[in-house]
Amino acid sequence: MRPEAGIRQRDLVGKKIAFADSEVDTKYTLPFVNAAWGVPFVLVDRLGSPPGIAAVRLDFDGRRMHTPASVHKLHSIESMPVASFASFVHFDPWWALRGVGGVDQAWLSAIYATNIARPFHRQGKAFKLHDLRFAHGMDRLEAVVAKDELFRVTEFHAGEIDLLALRAMRKGGSSPAGAPPAAKAL
């Protein structure tokens, strides 16, 4: 089975972003998705600087991301009202922002709450969210890629799954969806 075309979230780790006037080295690039499956902005976790947000078109050639926008379109996370994160989701299976510095804790908490990297149930079946697939230009989410308990891949598309509901309480209700997982012992 041939994988679908598009930009996969897991492919956006450690890639450069070539802006029209500069290049940025990133650790992670995390598209934020609204309930209509649109991507109004991406969070860019930069090497050597606090993460920023950019509302720009991003194309990916397999090695790096490109945008015709200026690097000046990359703004501080705090430039966005903290309450506005409540209407978005993102997929970060690495919980990359858990130890980030230079960002107020209120914004980090709001961002944690949007992470949908957790198991979910649909029609009595357990799934683990595996990846997100975005359209070229990264302006919309095309599919939520999940695996069942037998590791079979299932893709969900707009209208088939409620993205905001994926932020629900964890099994047992013991910790809120926005809390990062506890660090594992080495």
Protein backbone atom coordinates (compact mmCIF):
# COMPACT_ATOMS: atom_id res chain seq x y z
CA MET A 1 0.00 0.00 0.00
CA ARG A 2 1.53 3.30 -1.12
CA PRO A 3 1.47 6.11 1.46
CA GLU A 4 -0.67 9.12 0.61
CA ALA A 5 1.03 12.29 -0.62
CA GLY A 6 1.29 15.23 1.71
CA ILE A 7 3.40 16.50 4.56
CA ARG A 8 3.62 14.27 7.62
CA GLN A 9 4.14 15.74 11.09
CA ARG A 10 6.86 13.20 11.93
CA ASP A 11 8.87 14.37 8.90
CA LEU A 12 9.10 17.94 10.24
CA VAL A 13 11.64 17.20 12.99
CA GLY A 14 15.00 18.95 12.78
CA LYS A 15 14.36 20.64 9.44
CA LYS A 16 15.44 24.07 8.26
CA ILE A 17 12.91 26.66 7.16
CA ALA A 18 14.07 28.79 4.24
CA PHE A 19 12.33 32.16 4.52
CA ALA A 20 12.61 34.68 1.68
CA ASP A 21 15.35 36.58 3.52
CA SER A 22 16.85 34.12 6.01
CA GLU A 23 17.06 30.50 7.07
CA VAL A 24 16.00 29.14 10.48
CA ASP A 25 17.25 25.91 12.06
CA THR A 26 14.45 24.14 13.92
CA LYS A 27 14.11 21.35 16.41
CA TYR A 28 10.38 20.90 15.78
CA THR A 29 7.75 22.49 13.57
CA LEU A 30 4.26 21.98 14.97
CA PRO A 31 1.24 22.98 12.84
CA PHE A 32 -1.79 24.06 14.91
CA VAL A 33 -5.13 22.88 13.55
CA ASN A 34 -8.61 24.33 14.15
CA ALA A 35 -11.93 22.44 14.30
CA ALA A 36 -12.44 22.97 10.53
CA TRP A 37 -9.09 21.22 9.85
CA GLY A 38 -7.40 24.45 8.79
CA VAL A 39 -3.85 25.35 9.85
CA PRO A 40 -3.81 29.04 10.78
CA PHE A 41 -0.22 28.99 12.12
CA VAL A 42 2.75 26.81 12.97
CA LEU A 43 4.84 26.81 16.12
CA VAL A 44 8.54 26.78 15.27
CA ASP A 45 10.85 25.48 17.99
CA ARG A 46 14.09 27.15 16.91
CA LEU A 47 17.62 26.12 17.80
CA GLY A 48 19.16 28.72 20.10
CA SER A 49 16.00 30.84 20.51
CA PRO A 50 12.61 30.52 22.17
CA PRO A 51 9.90 29.03 19.95
CA GLY A 52 7.87 31.35 17.75
CA ILE A 53 4.71 31.24 15.70
CA ALA A 54 4.23 31.99 12.03
CA ALA A 55 1.07 32.27 9.97
CA VAL A 56 2.73 31.49 6.63
CA ARG A 57 2.49 28.99 3.81
CA LEU A 58 5.11 26.26 4.20
CA ASP A 59 6.14 23.86 1.47
CA PHE A 60 8.31 20.83 2.19
CA ASP A 61 10.64 19.22 -0.34
CA GLY A 62 11.69 16.31 1.87
CA ARG A 63 14.80 18.06 3.19
CA ARG A 64 13.68 21.51 4.26
CA MET A 65 10.64 23.74 4.41
CA HIS A 66 10.27 26.82 2.21
CA THR A 67 8.14 29.94 2.47
CA PRO A 68 8.02 33.10 0.38
CA ALA A 69 7.40 35.06 3.61
CA SER A 70 9.99 37.10 5.45
CA VAL A 71 11.54 35.76 8.66
CA HIS A 72 9.91 38.80 10.30
CA LYS A 73 6.61 36.87 10.09
CA LEU A 74 7.94 34.70 12.92
CA HIS A 75 6.56 36.16 16.17
CA SER A 76 6.80 35.40 19.87
CA ILE A 77 4.30 32.88 21.25
CA GLU A 78 3.24 35.54 23.75
CA SER A 79 2.06 37.74 20.86
CA MET A 80 -0.98 35.47 20.65
CA PRO A 81 -3.60 35.69 23.45
CA VAL A 82 -3.19 32.66 25.70
CA ALA A 83 -6.96 31.94 25.59
CA SER A 84 -6.90 31.60 21.79
CA PHE A 85 -5.06 28.26 22.04
CA ALA A 86 -8.28 26.69 23.38
CA SER A 87 -9.65 26.39 19.83
CA PHE A 88 -6.67 24.47 18.40
CA VAL A 89 -4.97 21.08 18.49
CA HIS A 90 -1.48 19.99 17.58
CA PHE A 91 0.33 16.65 17.50
CA ASP A 92 3.60 16.42 19.42
CA PRO A 93 4.36 12.78 20.36
CA TRP A 94 7.74 13.90 21.75
CA TRP A 95 6.23 16.50 24.13
CA ALA A 96 9.08 18.67 22.80
CA LEU A 97 8.02 21.85 24.58
CA ARG A 98 8.05 20.22 28.02
CA GLY A 99 11.44 21.71 28.92
CA VAL A 100 11.57 24.76 26.68
CA GLY A 101 12.80 28.03 28.15
CA GLY A 102 12.02 31.64 27.38
CA VAL A 103 8.22 31.20 27.31
CA ASP A 104 5.82 32.15 30.10
CA GLN A 105 4.30 29.09 31.83
CA ALA A 106 0.73 30.26 31.05
CA TRP A 107 1.41 29.91 27.31
CA LEU A 108 3.17 26.56 27.76
CA SER A 109 0.21 25.22 29.75
CA ALA A 110 -2.19 26.39 27.05
CA ILE A 111 -0.05 24.68 24.40
CA TYR A 112 0.16 21.41 26.39
CA ALA A 113 -3.64 21.36 26.52
CA THR A 114 -3.80 21.32 22.71
CA ASN A 115 -1.60 18.24 22.26
CA ILE A 116 -3.56 15.25 20.93
CA ALA A 117 -0.65 12.77 21.23
CA ARG A 118 -2.55 10.15 23.21
CA PRO A 119 -4.69 7.08 22.66
CA PHE A 120 -8.39 7.52 21.89
CA HIS A 121 -11.47 5.36 21.38
CA ARG A 122 -13.78 5.41 18.39
CA GLN A 123 -16.75 3.09 17.90
CA GLY A 124 -15.55 0.83 20.73
CA LYS A 125 -12.07 0.43 19.28
CA ALA A 126 -8.83 1.74 20.81
CA PHE A 127 -6.43 3.74 18.63
CA LYS A 128 -3.11 5.42 19.17
CA LEU A 129 -2.60 8.60 17.19
CA HIS A 130 0.46 7.98 15.03
CA ASP A 131 0.80 10.98 12.71
CA LEU A 132 -0.94 13.87 10.98
CA ARG A 133 -0.83 14.39 7.21
CA PHE A 134 -1.07 17.94 5.88
CA ALA A 135 -1.74 19.32 2.41
CA HIS A 136 1.13 20.84 0.48
CA GLY A 137 1.49 24.40 1.68
CA MET A 138 0.55 23.15 5.16
CA ASP A 139 -2.67 25.20 5.14
CA ARG A 140 -4.97 22.30 6.07
CA LEU A 141 -4.94 18.90 7.71
CA GLU A 142 -5.82 16.07 5.33
CA ALA A 143 -5.78 13.06 7.66
CA VAL A 144 -5.33 11.85 11.20
CA VAL A 145 -3.26 8.66 11.01
CA ALA A 146 -3.88 6.19 13.84
CA LYS A 147 -2.96 2.60 14.63
CA ASP A 148 -5.18 0.08 16.39
CA GLU A 149 -4.02 -2.46 18.97
CA LEU A 150 -2.86 -4.76 16.12
CA PHE A 151 -0.85 -1.89 14.57
CA ARG A 152 -3.18 -1.61 11.58
CA VAL A 153 -3.17 1.91 10.15
CA THR A 154 -6.43 3.81 9.82
CA GLU A 155 -6.81 7.30 8.43
CA PHE A 156 -9.56 9.62 9.59
CA HIS A 157 -10.63 12.61 7.52
CA ALA A 158 -12.64 15.78 8.15
CA GLY A 159 -16.16 14.91 9.24
CA GLU A 160 -15.11 11.47 10.52
CA ILE A 161 -13.50 12.57 13.79
CA ASP A 162 -13.77 15.58 16.09
CA LEU A 163 -10.28 16.97 16.59
CA LEU A 164 -11.09 18.98 19.69
CA ALA A 165 -12.58 15.88 21.34
CA LEU A 166 -9.19 14.18 21.04
CA ARG A 167 -7.98 16.50 23.81
CA ALA A 168 -10.30 14.77 26.33
CA MET A 169 -9.25 13.48 29.74
CA ARG A 170 -6.83 10.59 29.84
CA LYS A 171 -8.10 7.11 30.69
CA GLY A 172 -9.19 7.05 34.31
CA GLY A 173 -9.55 10.84 34.36
CA SER A 174 -6.48 11.15 36.59
CA SER A 175 -4.70 13.93 34.74
CA PRO A 176 -5.94 16.58 32.37
CA ALA A 177 -5.29 16.17 28.68
CA GLY A 178 -3.00 19.18 28.71
CA ALA A 179 -0.59 17.78 31.27
CA PRO A 180 2.60 16.44 29.75
CA PRO A 181 3.32 12.80 30.51
CA ALA A 182 5.59 12.11 33.44
CA ALA A 183 9.24 11.65 32.58
CA LYS A 184 10.27 8.04 32.30
CA ALA A 185 12.98 6.68 34.61
CA LEU A 186 16.20 5.78 32.87
